[in-house]
Amino acid sequence: MRFSHSALAAFATLALSASPAFAAAQGGKVNLLDPHFGLMFWTILIFIGTMLILRKFAFGPILEGVRAREQALTDAMAAAQRDRAEALRLLAEQKAALEAARAEGQRFIADGRATAEAMRNEMLEQTRLQQADLLERARKEIESEKVKAVLELRREAVDLALAGAGKLIGQKLDASSDRKLVEDYLATVGAK
């Protein structure tokens, strides 16, 4: 590298010093449109020399850098494609998991509704059974109270009839035979 800088500097100095020298040798004024073969020779020689030096020392590292950059870009694009494919795969997995969770949630909701409906029906059936049981017990209780009330009323009626008959006759009627007679009569009256 050190040689290339010094060689390049030498060629540049030569080219700069040769142009005015040729111009001065030919007569003073420099016309850029007039061909000067000496100047052309040195310009081509300096150009070829510069190209050889650049080719040997500069173009190789530049091309290697460009190739490395191109390879890095290619690798980055391949990595980006892999990452994109991975992201798409993960997105599909997440969508599938979300759909599965949604379906499971719907299943839980449906199961909960079915369980609630079953519990509701069971509770309604229990309530109906309890209601029927309460009604049956109430009927039996009412019937039992009715029978008790009728018996109590009959006893009262017998006592009143005996008391009334005793006053009519003027003696106390309390014998069991008299009581039996009045009860039989009331039973026949109650049957009609």
C-alpha atoms as a PDB file:
ATOM      1  CA  MET A   1       0.000   0.000   0.000  1.00  0.00           C
ATOM      2  CA  ARG A   2       2.820   2.364   0.788  1.00  0.00           C
ATOM      3  CA  PHE A   3       4.273   1.815  -2.691  1.00  0.00           C
ATOM      4  CA  SER A   4       0.938   2.508  -4.347  1.00  0.00           C
ATOM      5  CA  HIS A   5       0.576   5.887  -2.668  1.00  0.00           C
ATOM      6  CA  SER A   6       4.079   6.965  -3.576  1.00  0.00           C
ATOM      7  CA  ALA A   7       3.735   5.692  -7.169  1.00  0.00           C
ATOM      8  CA  LEU A   8       0.398   7.379  -7.548  1.00  0.00           C
ATOM      9  CA  ALA A   9       1.849  10.634  -6.211  1.00  0.00           C
ATOM     10  CA  ALA A  10       4.752  10.396  -8.653  1.00  0.00           C
ATOM     11  CA  PHE A  11       2.468   9.881 -11.657  1.00  0.00           C
ATOM     12  CA  ALA A  12       0.223  12.740 -10.586  1.00  0.00           C
ATOM     13  CA  THR A  13       3.223  15.081 -10.220  1.00  0.00           C
ATOM     14  CA  LEU A  14       4.541  14.044 -13.614  1.00  0.00           C
ATOM     15  CA  ALA A  15       1.167  14.633 -15.273  1.00  0.00           C
ATOM     16  CA  LEU A  16       0.735  18.037 -13.714  1.00  0.00           C
ATOM     17  CA  SER A  17       4.233  19.164 -14.572  1.00  0.00           C
ATOM     18  CA  ALA A  18       4.121  17.774 -18.130  1.00  0.00           C
ATOM     19  CA  SER A  19       1.003  19.625 -19.252  1.00  0.00           C
ATOM     20  CA  PRO A  20       2.304  23.166 -18.747  1.00  0.00           C
ATOM     21  CA  ALA A  21       5.707  22.169 -20.097  1.00  0.00           C
ATOM     22  CA  PHE A  22       4.210  20.919 -23.309  1.00  0.00           C
ATOM     23  CA  ALA A  23       2.006  23.968 -23.549  1.00  0.00           C
ATOM     24  CA  ALA A  24       4.902  26.322 -23.034  1.00  0.00           C
ATOM     25  CA  ALA A  25       7.024  24.483 -25.603  1.00  0.00           C
ATOM     26  CA  GLN A  26       4.428  24.853 -28.258  1.00  0.00           C
ATOM     27  CA  GLY A  27       3.824  28.488 -28.020  1.00  0.00           C
ATOM     28  CA  GLY A  28       2.117  29.926 -25.089  1.00  0.00           C
ATOM     29  CA  LYS A  29      -1.608  29.674 -25.297  1.00  0.00           C
ATOM     30  CA  VAL A  30      -3.261  26.353 -24.586  1.00  0.00           C
ATOM     31  CA  ASN A  31      -6.233  25.446 -26.686  1.00  0.00           C
ATOM     32  CA  LEU A  32      -8.054  22.438 -25.320  1.00  0.00           C
ATOM     33  CA  LEU A  33      -9.622  21.588 -28.648  1.00  0.00           C
ATOM     34  CA  ASP A  34      -6.328  21.336 -30.516  1.00  0.00           C
ATOM     35  CA  PRO A  35      -4.870  17.834 -30.392  1.00  0.00           C
ATOM     36  CA  HIS A  36      -1.400  17.643 -28.838  1.00  0.00           C
ATOM     37  CA  PHE A  37       0.043  14.212 -29.412  1.00  0.00           C
ATOM     38  CA  GLY A  38       2.673  14.509 -26.735  1.00  0.00           C
ATOM     39  CA  LEU A  39       0.118  15.494 -24.163  1.00  0.00           C
ATOM     40  CA  MET A  40      -2.142  12.665 -25.335  1.00  0.00           C
ATOM     41  CA  PHE A  41       0.718  10.177 -25.025  1.00  0.00           C
ATOM     42  CA  TRP A  42       1.516  11.210 -21.455  1.00  0.00           C
ATOM     43  CA  THR A  43      -2.166  11.340 -20.501  1.00  0.00           C
ATOM     44  CA  ILE A  44      -2.745   7.826 -21.839  1.00  0.00           C
ATOM     45  CA  LEU A  45       0.435   6.582 -20.218  1.00  0.00           C
ATOM     46  CA  ILE A  46      -0.525   8.099 -16.855  1.00  0.00           C
ATOM     47  CA  PHE A  47      -4.064   6.767 -17.197  1.00  0.00           C
ATOM     48  CA  ILE A  48      -2.839   3.224 -17.953  1.00  0.00           C
ATOM     49  CA  GLY A  49      -0.347   3.408 -15.100  1.00  0.00           C
ATOM     50  CA  THR A  50      -2.990   4.650 -12.715  1.00  0.00           C
ATOM     51  CA  MET A  51      -5.366   1.894 -13.873  1.00  0.00           C
ATOM     52  CA  LEU A  52      -2.697  -0.775 -13.318  1.00  0.00           C
ATOM     53  CA  ILE A  53      -1.917   0.538  -9.858  1.00  0.00           C
ATOM     54  CA  LEU A  54      -5.584   0.835  -8.949  1.00  0.00           C
ATOM     55  CA  ARG A  55      -6.269  -2.627 -10.326  1.00  0.00           C
ATOM     56  CA  LYS A  56      -3.458  -4.166  -8.348  1.00  0.00           C
ATOM     57  CA  PHE A  57      -4.007  -2.354  -5.045  1.00  0.00           C
ATOM     58  CA  ALA A  58      -7.462  -0.730  -4.894  1.00  0.00           C
ATOM     59  CA  PHE A  59      -9.943  -2.618  -7.055  1.00  0.00           C
ATOM     60  CA  GLY A  60      -9.353  -5.967  -5.298  1.00  0.00           C
ATOM     61  CA  PRO A  61     -10.226  -4.707  -1.815  1.00  0.00           C
ATOM     62  CA  ILE A  62     -13.102  -2.622  -3.214  1.00  0.00           C
ATOM     63  CA  LEU A  63     -14.550  -5.597  -5.108  1.00  0.00           C
ATOM     64  CA  GLU A  64     -14.030  -7.829  -2.083  1.00  0.00           C
ATOM     65  CA  GLY A  65     -15.884  -5.294   0.072  1.00  0.00           C
ATOM     66  CA  VAL A  66     -18.695  -5.091  -2.467  1.00  0.00           C
ATOM     67  CA  ARG A  67     -18.923  -8.905  -2.617  1.00  0.00           C
ATOM     68  CA  ALA A  68     -18.912  -9.085   1.188  1.00  0.00           C
ATOM     69  CA  ARG A  69     -21.645  -6.459   1.338  1.00  0.00           C
ATOM     70  CA  GLU A  70     -23.628  -8.319  -1.316  1.00  0.00           C
ATOM     71  CA  GLN A  71     -23.227 -11.578   0.624  1.00  0.00           C
ATOM     72  CA  ALA A  72     -24.267  -9.829   3.840  1.00  0.00           C
ATOM     73  CA  LEU A  73     -27.363  -8.469   2.087  1.00  0.00           C
ATOM     74  CA  THR A  74     -28.163 -11.905   0.662  1.00  0.00           C
ATOM     75  CA  ASP A  75     -27.745 -13.470   4.110  1.00  0.00           C
ATOM     76  CA  ALA A  76     -29.896 -10.744   5.669  1.00  0.00           C
ATOM     77  CA  MET A  77     -32.636 -11.303   3.089  1.00  0.00           C
ATOM     78  CA  ALA A  78     -32.513 -15.067   3.671  1.00  0.00           C
ATOM     79  CA  ALA A  79     -32.677 -14.516   7.428  1.00  0.00           C
ATOM     80  CA  ALA A  80     -35.586 -12.120   6.941  1.00  0.00           C
ATOM     81  CA  GLN A  81     -37.408 -14.725   4.861  1.00  0.00           C
ATOM     82  CA  ARG A  82     -36.748 -17.386   7.512  1.00  0.00           C
ATOM     83  CA  ASP A  83     -37.933 -15.008  10.221  1.00  0.00           C
ATOM     84  CA  ARG A  84     -41.030 -14.156   8.199  1.00  0.00           C
ATOM     85  CA  ALA A  85     -41.793 -17.842   7.646  1.00  0.00           C
ATOM     86  CA  GLU A  86     -41.286 -18.476  11.377  1.00  0.00           C
ATOM     87  CA  ALA A  87     -43.530 -15.515  12.234  1.00  0.00           C
ATOM     88  CA  LEU A  88     -46.223 -16.829   9.889  1.00  0.00           C
ATOM     89  CA  ARG A  89     -45.927 -20.274  11.452  1.00  0.00           C
ATOM     90  CA  LEU A  90     -46.174 -18.811  14.960  1.00  0.00           C
ATOM     91  CA  LEU A  91     -49.112 -16.662  13.884  1.00  0.00           C
ATOM     92  CA  ALA A  92     -50.884 -19.738  12.519  1.00  0.00           C
ATOM     93  CA  GLU A  93     -50.155 -21.593  15.778  1.00  0.00           C
ATOM     94  CA  GLN A  94     -51.476 -18.657  17.800  1.00  0.00           C
ATOM     95  CA  LYS A  95     -54.616 -18.474  15.656  1.00  0.00           C
ATOM     96  CA  ALA A  96     -55.146 -22.220  16.097  1.00  0.00           C
ATOM     97  CA  ALA A  97     -54.599 -21.940  19.852  1.00  0.00           C
ATOM     98  CA  LEU A  98     -56.967 -18.966  20.022  1.00  0.00           C
ATOM     99  CA  GLU A  99     -59.596 -20.853  18.043  1.00  0.00           C
ATOM    100  CA  ALA A 100     -59.166 -23.894  20.301  1.00  0.00           C
ATOM    101  CA  ALA A 101     -59.508 -21.686  23.383  1.00  0.00           C
ATOM    102  CA  ARG A 102     -62.598 -20.046  21.891  1.00  0.00           C
ATOM    103  CA  ALA A 103     -64.121 -23.461  21.126  1.00  0.00           C
ATOM    104  CA  GLU A 104     -63.294 -24.676  24.633  1.00  0.00           C
ATOM    105  CA  GLY A 105     -64.852 -21.544  26.096  1.00  0.00           C
ATOM    106  CA  GLN A 106     -67.996 -22.118  24.034  1.00  0.00           C
ATOM    107  CA  ARG A 107     -68.040 -25.729  25.222  1.00  0.00           C
ATOM    108  CA  PHE A 108     -67.720 -24.580  28.851  1.00  0.00           C
ATOM    109  CA  ILE A 109     -70.538 -22.102  28.346  1.00  0.00           C
ATOM    110  CA  ALA A 110     -72.735 -24.780  26.751  1.00  0.00           C
ATOM    111  CA  ASP A 111     -71.894 -27.233  29.555  1.00  0.00           C
ATOM    112  CA  GLY A 112     -72.672 -24.565  32.134  1.00  0.00           C
ATOM    113  CA  ARG A 113     -75.996 -23.812  30.498  1.00  0.00           C
ATOM    114  CA  ALA A 114     -76.866 -27.497  30.311  1.00  0.00           C
ATOM    115  CA  THR A 115     -75.894 -27.988  33.958  1.00  0.00           C
ATOM    116  CA  ALA A 116     -77.877 -24.921  35.003  1.00  0.00           C
ATOM    117  CA  GLU A 117     -80.904 -26.131  33.036  1.00  0.00           C
ATOM    118  CA  ALA A 118     -80.610 -29.596  34.592  1.00  0.00           C
ATOM    119  CA  MET A 119     -80.315 -28.072  38.072  1.00  0.00           C
ATOM    120  CA  ARG A 120     -83.288 -25.816  37.373  1.00  0.00           C
ATOM    121  CA  ASN A 121     -85.387 -28.743  36.198  1.00  0.00           C
ATOM    122  CA  GLU A 122     -84.318 -30.801  39.201  1.00  0.00           C
ATOM    123  CA  MET A 123     -85.134 -27.964  41.579  1.00  0.00           C
ATOM    124  CA  LEU A 124     -88.538 -27.466  39.906  1.00  0.00           C
ATOM    125  CA  GLU A 125     -89.263 -31.178  40.232  1.00  0.00           C
ATOM    126  CA  GLN A 126     -88.221 -31.133  43.890  1.00  0.00           C
ATOM    127  CA  THR A 127     -90.424 -28.096  44.462  1.00  0.00           C
ATOM    128  CA  ARG A 128     -93.360 -29.839  42.766  1.00  0.00           C
ATOM    129  CA  LEU A 129     -92.811 -32.944  44.889  1.00  0.00           C
ATOM    130  CA  GLN A 130     -92.562 -30.861  48.058  1.00  0.00           C
ATOM    131  CA  GLN A 131     -95.687 -28.936  47.067  1.00  0.00           C
ATOM    132  CA  ALA A 132     -97.607 -32.149  46.384  1.00  0.00           C
ATOM    133  CA  ASP A 133     -96.383 -33.585  49.694  1.00  0.00           C
ATOM    134  CA  LEU A 134     -97.419 -30.425  51.558  1.00  0.00           C
ATOM    135  CA  LEU A 135    -100.837 -30.485  49.878  1.00  0.00           C
ATOM    136  CA  GLU A 136    -101.325 -34.143  50.756  1.00  0.00           C
ATOM    137  CA  ARG A 137    -100.295 -33.540  54.373  1.00  0.00           C
ATOM    138  CA  ALA A 138    -102.570 -30.503  54.530  1.00  0.00           C
ATOM    139  CA  ARG A 139    -105.509 -32.540  53.153  1.00  0.00           C
ATOM    140  CA  LYS A 140    -104.854 -35.303  55.664  1.00  0.00           C
ATOM    141  CA  GLU A 141    -104.565 -32.777  58.461  1.00  0.00           C
ATOM    142  CA  ILE A 142    -107.745 -31.032  57.356  1.00  0.00           C
ATOM    143  CA  GLU A 143    -109.553 -34.382  57.146  1.00  0.00           C
ATOM    144  CA  SER A 144    -108.233 -35.351  60.566  1.00  0.00           C
ATOM    145  CA  GLU A 145    -109.318 -32.007  62.043  1.00  0.00           C
ATOM    146  CA  LYS A 146    -112.693 -32.363  60.347  1.00  0.00           C
ATOM    147  CA  VAL A 147    -113.184 -35.816  61.843  1.00  0.00           C
ATOM    148  CA  LYS A 148    -112.125 -34.477  65.263  1.00  0.00           C
ATOM    149  CA  ALA A 149    -114.476 -31.512  64.896  1.00  0.00           C
ATOM    150  CA  VAL A 150    -117.390 -33.765  63.887  1.00  0.00           C
ATOM    151  CA  LEU A 151    -116.702 -36.089  66.835  1.00  0.00           C
ATOM    152  CA  GLU A 152    -116.448 -33.122  69.191  1.00  0.00           C
ATOM    153  CA  LEU A 153    -119.658 -31.687  67.762  1.00  0.00           C
ATOM    154  CA  ARG A 154    -121.424 -35.021  68.218  1.00  0.00           C
ATOM    155  CA  ARG A 155    -120.233 -35.280  71.785  1.00  0.00           C
ATOM    156  CA  GLU A 156    -121.479 -31.761  72.446  1.00  0.00           C
ATOM    157  CA  ALA A 157    -124.768 -32.568  70.718  1.00  0.00           C
ATOM    158  CA  VAL A 158    -125.183 -35.730  72.827  1.00  0.00           C
ATOM    159  CA  ASP A 159    -124.444 -33.796  75.984  1.00  0.00           C
ATOM    160  CA  LEU A 160    -126.946 -31.077  75.005  1.00  0.00           C
ATOM    161  CA  ALA A 161    -129.604 -33.630  74.035  1.00  0.00           C
ATOM    162  CA  LEU A 162    -129.179 -35.504  77.303  1.00  0.00           C
ATOM    163  CA  ALA A 163    -129.272 -32.275  79.285  1.00  0.00           C
ATOM    164  CA  GLY A 164    -132.409 -31.158  77.427  1.00  0.00           C
ATOM    165  CA  ALA A 165    -134.147 -34.522  77.818  1.00  0.00           C
ATOM    166  CA  GLY A 166    -133.169 -34.647  81.494  1.00  0.00           C
ATOM    167  CA  LYS A 167    -134.806 -31.301  82.088  1.00  0.00           C
ATOM    168  CA  LEU A 168    -137.894 -32.446  80.286  1.00  0.00           C
ATOM    169  CA  ILE A 169    -138.173 -35.598  82.267  1.00  0.00           C
ATOM    170  CA  GLY A 170    -136.869 -34.038  85.395  1.00  0.00           C
ATOM    171  CA  GLN A 171    -134.125 -36.467  86.179  1.00  0.00           C
ATOM    172  CA  LYS A 172    -130.506 -36.783  85.355  1.00  0.00           C
ATOM    173  CA  LEU A 173    -129.822 -38.912  82.274  1.00  0.00           C
ATOM    174  CA  ASP A 174    -126.206 -39.921  82.249  1.00  0.00           C
ATOM    175  CA  ALA A 175    -126.190 -43.601  81.833  1.00  0.00           C
ATOM    176  CA  SER A 176    -124.191 -45.159  79.141  1.00  0.00           C
ATOM    177  CA  SER A 177    -127.220 -46.792  77.558  1.00  0.00           C
ATOM    178  CA  ASP A 178    -128.909 -43.413  77.176  1.00  0.00           C
ATOM    179  CA  ARG A 179    -125.749 -41.992  75.655  1.00  0.00           C
ATOM    180  CA  LYS A 180    -125.535 -44.932  73.221  1.00  0.00           C
ATOM    181  CA  LEU A 181    -129.119 -44.409  72.113  1.00  0.00           C
ATOM    182  CA  VAL A 182    -128.570 -40.697  71.327  1.00  0.00           C
ATOM    183  CA  GLU A 183    -125.276 -41.392  69.477  1.00  0.00           C
ATOM    184  CA  ASP A 184    -126.965 -44.019  67.289  1.00  0.00           C
ATOM    185  CA  TYR A 185    -129.715 -41.603  66.432  1.00  0.00           C
ATOM    186  CA  LEU A 186    -127.271 -38.836  65.541  1.00  0.00           C
ATOM    187  CA  ALA A 187    -125.306 -41.275  63.387  1.00  0.00           C
ATOM    188  CA  THR A 188    -128.449 -42.096  61.403  1.00  0.00           C
ATOM    189  CA  VAL A 189    -129.210 -38.392  61.028  1.00  0.00           C
ATOM    190  CA  GLY A 190    -125.677 -37.631  59.876  1.00  0.00           C
ATOM    191  CA  ALA A 191    -125.871 -40.426  57.248  1.00  0.00           C
ATOM    192  CA  LYS A 192    -128.975 -38.954  55.624  1.00  0.00           C
END
